[in-house]
N, C-alpha and C. Protein backbone atom coordinates (compact mmCIF):
# COMPACT_ATOMS: atom_id res chain seq x y z
N UNK A 1 -21.96 -29.23 49.56
CA UNK A 1 -20.27 -29.32 48.49
C UNK A 1 -21.22 -29.57 46.92
N UNK A 2 -22.62 -29.92 46.87
CA UNK A 2 -22.97 -29.30 45.69
C UNK A 2 -23.20 -28.37 45.05
N UNK A 3 -23.97 -27.55 45.82
CA UNK A 3 -24.03 -26.06 45.48
C UNK A 3 -22.50 -25.58 44.97
N UNK A 4 -21.25 -25.87 45.50
CA UNK A 4 -20.42 -24.89 45.17
C UNK A 4 -19.81 -25.87 43.71
N UNK A 5 -19.94 -27.29 43.39
CA UNK A 5 -19.63 -27.89 42.58
C UNK A 5 -20.16 -27.18 41.19
N UNK A 6 -21.39 -26.96 41.26
CA UNK A 6 -22.47 -26.20 40.43
C UNK A 6 -21.93 -25.23 40.27
N UNK A 7 -21.75 -24.17 41.04
CA UNK A 7 -21.29 -22.94 40.90
C UNK A 7 -19.83 -23.54 40.05
N UNK A 8 -18.90 -24.01 40.15
CA UNK A 8 -17.41 -23.96 39.38
C UNK A 8 -17.98 -24.95 38.34
N UNK A 9 -19.31 -25.62 37.72
CA UNK A 9 -19.49 -26.19 36.55
C UNK A 9 -19.50 -24.53 35.64
N UNK A 10 -20.57 -24.12 36.27
CA UNK A 10 -21.45 -22.67 35.24
C UNK A 10 -19.53 -22.39 34.94
N UNK A 11 -18.99 -21.59 36.31
CA UNK A 11 -18.17 -20.75 35.64
C UNK A 11 -17.40 -21.28 34.61
N UNK A 12 -17.35 -22.69 34.85
CA UNK A 12 -15.74 -23.80 33.58
C UNK A 12 -16.78 -23.31 32.04
N UNK A 13 -17.79 -23.49 32.18
CA UNK A 13 -18.76 -23.41 31.02
C UNK A 13 -18.96 -21.92 30.82
N UNK A 14 -18.72 -21.61 31.42
CA UNK A 14 -18.89 -19.63 30.76
C UNK A 14 -17.29 -19.17 30.06
N UNK A 15 -16.44 -20.03 30.99
CA UNK A 15 -14.97 -19.33 30.49
C UNK A 15 -15.01 -20.29 29.53
N UNK A 16 -15.45 -21.15 28.76
CA UNK A 16 -14.76 -22.21 28.01
C UNK A 16 -16.05 -21.50 26.62
N UNK A 17 -16.64 -21.41 27.21
CA UNK A 17 -18.26 -20.68 25.73
C UNK A 17 -16.60 -18.89 25.42
N UNK A 18 -16.32 -17.76 26.71
CA UNK A 18 -16.06 -16.94 26.49
C UNK A 18 -14.57 -17.34 25.14
N UNK A 19 -13.61 -18.99 25.42
CA UNK A 19 -12.81 -18.85 25.04
C UNK A 19 -12.95 -19.68 23.42
N UNK A 20 -14.06 -19.90 23.17
CA UNK A 20 -14.64 -20.29 21.80
C UNK A 20 -14.90 -18.64 21.48
N UNK A 21 -15.69 -18.41 21.54
CA UNK A 21 -15.95 -16.61 21.10
C UNK A 21 -14.46 -16.05 20.35
N UNK A 22 -13.52 -16.12 22.04
CA UNK A 22 -12.32 -15.52 21.17
C UNK A 22 -11.86 -16.20 20.38
N UNK A 23 -11.45 -17.67 20.15
CA UNK A 23 -11.07 -18.30 18.60
C UNK A 23 -11.81 -17.96 17.40
N UNK A 24 -13.36 -18.08 17.58
CA UNK A 24 -14.29 -17.65 16.27
C UNK A 24 -13.22 -16.05 15.80
N UNK A 25 -13.43 -15.14 16.95
CA UNK A 25 -12.66 -13.33 16.47
C UNK A 25 -11.59 -13.73 16.17
N UNK A 26 -11.11 -14.66 16.78
CA UNK A 26 -9.23 -14.22 16.07
C UNK A 26 -8.94 -15.10 14.53
N UNK A 27 -10.07 -16.05 14.31
CA UNK A 27 -9.72 -16.54 12.97
C UNK A 27 -10.91 -15.86 12.29
N UNK A 28 -12.22 -14.92 12.10
CA UNK A 28 -12.77 -14.00 11.77
C UNK A 28 -11.69 -12.63 11.21
N UNK A 29 -11.16 -12.45 12.39
CA UNK A 29 -9.96 -11.39 12.10
C UNK A 29 -8.72 -12.23 10.71
N UNK A 30 -8.66 -13.10 11.18
CA UNK A 30 -7.19 -13.88 10.42
C UNK A 30 -7.88 -13.71 8.92
N UNK A 31 -8.82 -14.46 8.91
CA UNK A 31 -9.65 -14.06 7.58
C UNK A 31 -9.44 -12.63 6.38
N UNK A 32 -10.00 -12.13 7.71
CA UNK A 32 -10.27 -10.80 6.89
C UNK A 32 -8.84 -10.19 6.37
N UNK A 33 -7.75 -10.40 7.17
CA UNK A 33 -6.81 -9.59 7.43
C UNK A 33 -5.90 -10.66 5.76
N UNK A 34 -6.20 -11.78 5.66
CA UNK A 34 -5.76 -12.63 3.97
C UNK A 34 -6.54 -12.08 3.01
N UNK A 35 -7.44 -12.14 3.06
CA UNK A 35 -8.33 -11.21 2.28
C UNK A 35 -8.18 -9.55 1.22
N UNK A 36 -8.00 -9.08 2.40
CA UNK A 36 -7.13 -7.45 2.37
C UNK A 36 -5.82 -8.03 1.85
N UNK A 37 -4.76 -8.86 2.67
CA UNK A 37 -3.46 -9.07 2.03
C UNK A 37 -3.63 -9.22 -0.08
N UNK A 38 -4.77 -10.08 0.08
CA UNK A 38 -4.75 -10.56 -1.29
C UNK A 38 -5.17 -9.91 -2.26
N UNK A 39 -6.45 -8.59 -2.05
CA UNK A 39 -6.25 -7.39 -2.63
C UNK A 39 -5.28 -6.84 -2.87
N UNK A 40 -4.48 -6.45 -1.98
CA UNK A 40 -3.35 -5.76 -1.95
C UNK A 40 -2.86 -6.10 -2.92
N UNK A 41 -2.29 -7.42 -2.81
CA UNK A 41 -1.27 -7.75 -4.16
C UNK A 41 -2.07 -7.84 -5.60
N UNK A 42 -3.21 -7.76 -5.51
CA UNK A 42 -3.85 -7.99 -6.61
C UNK A 42 -3.76 -6.65 -7.61
N UNK A 43 -4.14 -5.97 -7.04
CA UNK A 43 -3.91 -4.41 -6.98
C UNK A 43 -2.47 -3.86 -7.34
N UNK A 44 -1.54 -4.38 -6.90
CA UNK A 44 0.12 -4.08 -6.98
C UNK A 44 0.08 -4.92 -7.63
N UNK A 45 -0.24 -5.91 -8.93
CA UNK A 45 0.14 -6.75 -9.86
C UNK A 45 -0.74 -6.12 -11.17
N UNK A 46 -1.53 -5.47 -10.74
CA UNK A 46 -2.68 -4.63 -11.77
C UNK A 46 -1.42 -3.30 -11.62
N UNK A 47 -0.90 -3.14 -11.10
CA UNK A 47 -0.14 -1.24 -11.06
C UNK A 47 0.66 -1.91 -11.61
N UNK A 48 1.15 -2.68 -12.03
CA UNK A 48 2.64 -3.63 -11.61
C UNK A 48 2.49 -3.51 -13.68
N UNK A 49 1.39 -4.52 -13.90
CA UNK A 49 1.13 -4.50 -15.43
C UNK A 49 1.05 -2.86 -16.58
N UNK A 50 0.50 -2.41 -15.60
CA UNK A 50 -0.34 -1.29 -16.40
C UNK A 50 1.31 -0.43 -16.63
N UNK A 51 1.88 0.06 -15.50
CA UNK A 51 3.41 0.65 -15.97
C UNK A 51 3.75 0.05 -16.72
N UNK A 52 4.13 -1.40 -16.57
CA UNK A 52 4.79 -1.78 -18.31
C UNK A 52 4.40 -1.70 -19.18
N UNK A 53 3.14 -1.90 -19.28
CA UNK A 53 2.76 -0.71 -20.53
C UNK A 53 2.88 0.44 -20.86
N UNK A 54 3.04 1.13 -19.62
CA UNK A 54 3.00 2.87 -19.71
C UNK A 54 4.55 3.16 -20.22
N UNK A 55 5.48 2.34 -19.31
CA UNK A 55 6.66 3.38 -19.75
C UNK A 55 7.62 1.66 -20.27
N UNK A 56 9.13 2.77 -20.61
CA UNK A 56 9.77 2.04 -21.35
C UNK A 56 10.88 1.65 -20.50
N UNK A 57 11.73 0.26 -20.61
CA UNK A 57 12.70 -0.20 -19.53
C UNK A 57 13.39 0.62 -19.11
N UNK A 58 13.96 1.58 -19.71
CA UNK A 58 14.85 2.73 -18.77
C UNK A 58 13.91 3.42 -17.78
N UNK A 59 13.08 3.72 -18.26
CA UNK A 59 12.02 4.32 -17.51
C UNK A 59 11.42 3.68 -16.33
N UNK A 60 11.29 2.58 -16.51
CA UNK A 60 10.98 1.67 -15.21
C UNK A 60 12.34 1.80 -14.58
N UNK A 61 13.41 0.89 -14.42
CA UNK A 61 14.08 1.35 -14.40
C UNK A 61 14.37 2.46 -13.32
N UNK A 62 13.95 3.26 -13.61
CA UNK A 62 14.43 4.88 -13.23
C UNK A 62 13.84 4.87 -11.98
N UNK A 63 12.65 4.64 -12.15
CA UNK A 63 11.45 4.54 -11.13
C UNK A 63 11.64 3.55 -9.96
N UNK A 64 12.44 2.97 -10.21
CA UNK A 64 12.89 1.18 -9.79
C UNK A 64 13.67 1.81 -8.39
N UNK A 65 15.22 2.53 -9.10
CA UNK A 65 16.12 2.70 -8.54
C UNK A 65 15.19 4.15 -7.34
N UNK A 66 14.94 4.82 -8.21
CA UNK A 66 14.95 5.48 -6.99
C UNK A 66 13.67 5.45 -5.93
N UNK A 67 12.91 4.33 -6.55
CA UNK A 67 11.88 3.58 -5.51
C UNK A 67 12.40 3.20 -3.99
N UNK A 68 14.45 3.12 -4.27
CA UNK A 68 14.69 2.94 -2.75
C UNK A 68 15.02 3.53 -1.77
N UNK A 69 15.10 5.13 -2.17
CA UNK A 69 15.58 6.11 -1.26
C UNK A 69 13.82 6.82 -1.46
N UNK A 70 12.26 6.93 -2.66
CA UNK A 70 11.70 8.01 -2.30
C UNK A 70 10.52 7.12 -2.45
N UNK A 71 10.38 6.00 -1.79
CA UNK A 71 8.81 5.28 -2.60
C UNK A 71 7.75 6.00 -2.65
N UNK A 72 7.49 7.02 -1.61
CA UNK A 72 6.15 7.92 -1.83
C UNK A 72 5.83 8.98 -2.65
N UNK A 73 6.96 8.96 -3.38
CA UNK A 73 7.17 10.11 -4.70
C UNK A 73 7.16 8.97 -5.86
N UNK A 74 7.58 7.78 -5.81
CA UNK A 74 7.66 6.84 -6.60
C UNK A 74 6.05 6.99 -6.96
N UNK A 75 5.31 6.28 -5.68
CA UNK A 75 4.29 5.75 -6.20
C UNK A 75 3.04 7.01 -6.43
N UNK A 76 3.29 7.97 -6.05
CA UNK A 76 2.52 8.90 -6.23
C UNK A 76 2.76 9.48 -8.19
N UNK A 77 3.90 9.48 -8.45
CA UNK A 77 4.18 9.45 -10.00
C UNK A 77 3.19 8.43 -10.93
N UNK A 78 4.05 7.04 -10.39
CA UNK A 78 3.30 5.94 -10.71
C UNK A 78 1.91 5.98 -11.40
N UNK A 79 1.30 6.71 -10.38
CA UNK A 79 -0.37 6.67 -10.22
C UNK A 79 -0.97 8.31 -10.58
N UNK A 80 -0.05 8.96 -11.32
CA UNK A 80 0.03 9.86 -12.09
C UNK A 80 0.08 9.58 -13.29
N UNK A 81 0.91 8.57 -13.40
CA UNK A 81 1.21 7.89 -14.71
C UNK A 81 0.13 7.69 -15.55
N UNK A 82 -0.48 6.56 -14.04
CA UNK A 82 -1.22 5.52 -14.77
C UNK A 82 -2.51 6.56 -15.05
N UNK A 83 -3.14 7.52 -14.10
CA UNK A 83 -4.59 8.14 -14.39
C UNK A 83 -4.51 8.57 -16.12
N UNK A 84 -3.15 9.61 -16.52
CA UNK A 84 -2.60 10.10 -17.65
C UNK A 84 -3.02 9.07 -18.73
N UNK A 85 -2.42 7.82 -18.17
CA UNK A 85 -2.70 6.87 -19.48
C UNK A 85 -4.11 6.43 -19.71
N UNK A 86 -4.87 6.88 -18.75
CA UNK A 86 -5.92 6.25 -19.19
C UNK A 86 -7.09 7.05 -19.17
N UNK A 87 -6.79 8.13 -19.72
CA UNK A 87 -7.16 9.19 -19.89
C UNK A 87 -6.84 9.78 -21.30
N UNK A 88 -5.96 8.99 -21.94
CA UNK A 88 -5.49 9.52 -23.30
C UNK A 88 -4.81 10.69 -23.44
N UNK A 89 -4.20 10.86 -21.85
CA UNK A 89 -2.97 12.22 -22.52
C UNK A 89 -1.91 12.23 -22.09
N UNK A 90 -1.04 10.96 -22.69
CA UNK A 90 0.34 10.68 -22.23
C UNK A 90 1.06 9.78 -23.63
N UNK A 91 2.04 9.86 -24.22
CA UNK A 91 2.10 9.20 -25.44
C UNK A 91 3.12 7.91 -25.13
N UNK A 92 2.31 6.82 -25.14
CA UNK A 92 2.98 5.51 -25.16
C UNK A 92 3.43 5.09 -25.54
N UNK A 93 4.83 4.39 -25.28
CA UNK A 93 5.73 4.24 -23.99
C UNK A 93 6.19 5.57 -23.46
N UNK A 94 5.92 5.80 -22.03
CA UNK A 94 6.96 7.29 -21.81
C UNK A 94 8.25 7.09 -21.58
N UNK A 95 9.37 7.70 -22.27
CA UNK A 95 10.50 7.80 -22.02
C UNK A 95 11.04 7.53 -21.22
N UNK A 96 12.31 7.96 -20.74
CA UNK A 96 13.10 7.87 -19.61
C UNK A 96 13.61 9.27 -19.40
N UNK A 97 13.28 10.17 -20.53
CA UNK A 97 13.75 11.60 -20.55
C UNK A 97 12.55 12.47 -19.78
N UNK A 98 11.17 12.15 -20.44
CA UNK A 98 10.00 12.23 -19.54
C UNK A 98 9.58 12.06 -18.49
N UNK A 99 10.04 11.05 -17.79
CA UNK A 99 10.65 10.58 -16.78
C UNK A 99 11.03 11.49 -15.87
N UNK A 100 12.23 11.75 -16.33
CA UNK A 100 13.55 13.21 -15.75
C UNK A 100 12.27 14.18 -15.64
N UNK A 101 11.95 14.46 -16.67
CA UNK A 101 11.40 15.68 -16.51
C UNK A 101 10.11 15.95 -15.65
N UNK A 102 9.82 14.93 -14.77
CA UNK A 102 8.35 14.81 -14.86
C UNK A 102 9.09 14.65 -12.89
N UNK A 103 9.51 14.02 -12.96
CA UNK A 103 10.55 13.68 -11.14
C UNK A 103 10.64 15.23 -10.88
N UNK A 104 11.75 16.18 -12.15
CA UNK A 104 12.49 17.48 -11.79
C UNK A 104 11.23 18.84 -11.44
N UNK A 105 9.59 18.34 -12.40
CA UNK A 105 8.88 19.18 -12.08
C UNK A 105 8.60 18.83 -11.09
N UNK A 106 8.00 17.79 -9.69
CA UNK A 106 7.42 17.30 -8.54
C UNK A 106 8.68 18.01 -7.70
N UNK A 107 9.56 17.31 -7.96
CA UNK A 107 10.72 17.76 -6.89
C UNK A 107 11.49 19.23 -6.81
N UNK A 108 11.12 20.00 -7.50
CA UNK A 108 11.29 21.34 -7.48
C UNK A 108 10.47 22.37 -7.01
N UNK A 109 9.82 21.48 -6.51
CA UNK A 109 8.90 22.43 -5.47
C UNK A 109 9.10 23.20 -4.06
N UNK A 110 10.41 22.89 -3.88
CA UNK A 110 11.01 23.04 -2.83
C UNK A 110 11.79 24.58 -2.86
N UNK A 111 10.91 25.27 -1.63
CA UNK A 111 11.65 26.43 -0.69
C UNK A 111 12.61 26.79 -0.41
N UNK A 112 12.58 28.12 -0.91
CA UNK A 112 14.26 27.73 -0.22
C UNK A 112 14.31 29.54 0.64
N UNK A 113 14.73 29.22 1.87
CA UNK A 113 14.71 29.90 3.07
C UNK A 113 16.12 30.66 2.71
N UNK A 114 15.67 32.57 2.96
CA UNK A 114 17.25 33.25 3.24
C UNK A 114 17.29 33.71 4.32
N UNK A 115 18.17 33.44 4.91
CA UNK A 115 18.32 34.34 6.45
C UNK A 115 18.99 35.66 6.17
N UNK A 116 19.10 36.71 6.64
CA UNK A 116 19.85 37.77 6.72
C UNK A 116 20.00 37.82 8.07
N UNK A 117 21.43 38.34 7.52
CA UNK A 117 21.76 38.50 9.22
C UNK A 117 22.04 40.51 9.75
N UNK A 118 21.80 40.87 10.82
CA UNK A 118 22.11 42.59 11.09
C UNK A 118 22.71 42.70 11.50
């Protein structure tokens, strides 16, 4: 009976070790996720501050309204504006009319399909 007890004890130790390893892995994953979230928040805050300096209040409002329907387009335009401002190729502050023009240029690239019936 002692041999059976020894096998049970070893198996129990193995299970405990596996459980401890799994908990450590989960802790590491949680810590990594928290770091990524903190980095994302810092990036968003820096982006927000840069746009606050670059855009006029009306232009910021226009992009905020558009973000509700076309978030990807707004993100692309914001990154483009930040890059242009950093390169010095943009007159700061960017007016609402300029943002309208940029939006028209980026969204007018749609292709029209004409179907002719015979």
